[in-house]
Amino acid sequence: MATQLVEGGDFDLLSTIYDIIKSVEKEQQDNAQKQKDSQEAGQKVLELQRKLDHAREVVKKLPGIELSKDEQLLQIDLLRRQLTLKRDLLNKYRLITSFDREAQSEFQIHQH
């Protein structure tokens, strides 16, 4: 997706590209207006270039960018396994604590 908000910047490239196309497609009879539109298109192209340069810099700083695709897939698999293990442990803990509460309730009932 070309339009995406990421920490570090706004990568709204489509609107800039649209503005460039719109300014290039204008059909003006007046030479002064043509020159003005040409300058406007040039400014939009420079703006697009700045946005692309900024996007490249942000992408270079993303964590894991130095890893290959296979290494990233292995990392994702490892993290998913860790998540599954942690969820299982949480569920076991919840069962133990609910069992303890039931046992305490029964113990208190039998004491009375």
Foldseek 3Di string as FASTA:
>chain_A
DQFDDDPQDTRPLVVLVVLLVVLVPDDDPDPVSVVVSVVVSVVSVVVNVVSVVSVVVVCVPDPPSPPDPVVVVVVVVVVVVVVVVVVVVVVVVVVVVVVVVVVVVVVVVVVD
